[in-house]
Protein backbone atom coordinates (compact mmCIF):
# COMPACT_ATOMS: atom_id res chain seq x y z
CA MET A 1 22.29 4.63 -10.58
CA MET A 2 18.83 3.97 -9.20
CA THR A 3 18.28 0.92 -7.06
CA LYS A 4 15.07 -1.15 -7.16
CA ARG A 5 13.88 0.65 -4.01
CA HIS A 6 14.47 4.08 -5.57
CA MET A 7 12.70 3.09 -8.78
CA THR A 8 9.64 1.91 -6.81
CA TRP A 9 9.57 5.11 -4.75
CA TYR A 10 9.88 7.20 -7.93
CA ALA A 11 7.13 5.19 -9.64
CA LEU A 12 4.77 5.74 -6.70
CA GLN A 13 5.47 9.47 -6.82
CA GLN A 14 4.77 9.63 -10.55
CA ALA A 15 1.73 7.32 -10.54
CA PRO A 16 -1.18 8.63 -12.60
CA LYS A 17 -4.57 8.96 -10.88
CA GLU A 18 -5.94 5.99 -12.81
CA PRO A 19 -2.85 3.91 -13.67
CA ALA A 20 -2.82 1.42 -16.49
CA PRO A 21 -3.00 -2.24 -15.45
CA ILE A 22 0.61 -2.92 -16.58
CA PHE A 23 1.81 -0.04 -14.38
CA LEU A 24 0.00 -1.55 -11.38
CA MET A 25 1.40 -5.00 -12.06
CA THR A 26 4.93 -3.56 -12.14
CA LEU A 27 4.39 -1.70 -8.85
CA TYR A 28 2.80 -4.80 -7.32
CA SER A 29 5.83 -6.88 -8.31
CA ASP A 30 8.25 -4.21 -7.08
CA LEU A 31 6.52 -4.03 -3.69
CA GLN A 32 6.86 -7.79 -3.32
CA THR A 33 10.54 -7.53 -4.27
CA LEU A 34 10.92 -5.01 -1.44
CA GLY A 35 9.58 -7.53 1.04
CA LEU A 36 5.82 -7.07 1.15
CA THR A 37 3.55 -10.08 0.89
CA ALA A 38 1.06 -10.32 -1.97
CA ASN A 39 -1.79 -9.20 0.31
CA GLN A 40 0.21 -6.33 1.79
CA ALA A 41 1.17 -5.12 -1.68
CA GLN A 42 -2.44 -5.27 -2.89
CA VAL A 43 -3.76 -3.42 0.18
CA TYR A 44 -0.95 -0.83 -0.02
CA LEU A 45 -1.61 -0.09 -3.70
CA THR A 46 -5.36 0.15 -3.07
CA LEU A 47 -4.78 2.71 -0.32
CA ALA A 48 -2.18 4.58 -2.39
CA ARG A 49 -4.66 4.98 -5.25
CA ALA A 50 -7.63 5.94 -3.09
CA GLY A 51 -6.05 8.11 -0.41
CA GLU A 52 -8.04 7.23 2.71
CA LEU A 53 -10.33 4.25 3.08
CA LYS A 54 -12.22 2.38 5.77
CA ALA A 55 -11.35 -1.31 6.11
CA GLY A 56 -14.68 -2.29 4.54
CA GLU A 57 -13.87 -0.20 1.48
CA VAL A 58 -10.45 -1.85 1.18
CA ILE A 59 -12.14 -5.25 1.41
CA LYS A 60 -14.55 -4.34 -1.42
CA LYS A 61 -11.86 -2.85 -3.66
CA THR A 62 -9.36 -5.70 -3.22
CA GLY A 63 -11.80 -8.60 -3.11
CA LEU A 64 -9.71 -10.15 -0.32
CA HIS A 65 -11.30 -11.87 2.68
CA ARG A 66 -11.77 -9.47 5.60
CA ASN A 67 -9.29 -11.37 7.82
CA LEU A 68 -6.61 -11.05 5.16
CA VAL A 69 -7.23 -7.31 4.80
CA TYR A 70 -7.16 -6.67 8.55
CA THR A 71 -3.97 -8.72 8.91
CA ALA A 72 -2.31 -6.88 6.01
CA LEU A 73 -3.38 -3.49 7.40
CA GLN A 74 -1.95 -4.33 10.83
CA GLU A 75 1.33 -5.55 9.30
CA LEU A 76 1.60 -2.40 7.15
CA ILE A 77 1.00 -0.26 10.23
CA GLU A 78 3.77 -2.15 12.06
CA LYS A 79 6.08 -1.53 9.08
CA LYS A 80 5.11 2.17 9.31
CA LEU A 81 3.84 2.21 5.73
CA VAL A 82 0.19 2.83 6.65
CA SER A 83 -1.45 4.87 9.39
CA SER A 84 -4.81 4.51 11.05
CA SER A 85 -6.97 7.23 12.54
CA LYS A 86 -10.50 7.34 13.93
CA PHE A 87 -13.25 9.33 12.24
CA LYS A 88 -16.65 9.13 13.92
CA ASN A 89 -15.37 6.11 15.84
CA VAL A 90 -14.46 4.22 12.63
CA ALA A 91 -10.87 3.44 11.64
CA VAL A 92 -9.68 5.11 8.45
CA TYR A 93 -6.43 3.99 6.81
CA LYS A 94 -4.02 5.83 4.55
CA THR A 95 -0.53 5.28 3.22
CA LEU A 96 2.38 7.18 4.70
CA ALA A 97 5.13 8.69 2.56
CA PRO A 98 6.31 6.15 -0.05
CA ALA A 99 9.90 7.16 0.81
CA ARG A 100 9.52 4.84 3.82
CA LEU A 101 9.79 1.94 1.38
CA LEU A 102 13.42 2.91 0.83
CA ARG A 103 14.41 2.42 4.46
CA GLU A 104 16.49 -0.66 5.09
CA ASP A 105 15.25 -1.19 8.69
CA ARG A 106 11.61 -1.94 7.92
């Protein structure tokens, strides 16, 4: 039997390139059930759909205030769900393996 964590991981693996809004709402809700805040879930899904983004691009795509995005990115990095790297001296963010969502010790 699949737990909520396993279903979310599976859904992220099977996500279409341009998911339907209902699919995103379900994932958004599932991420919150797994312990992410609303902002963290929104930033995580934005990065998961896009691959790699600069913080400014995340801000534009989510519509969240820059402070909220930077806070969510830092918290996701601390939870080891997102990584940051420098490209031409600019931070670029990307999601790490969705299987990390299944870990109990986040």
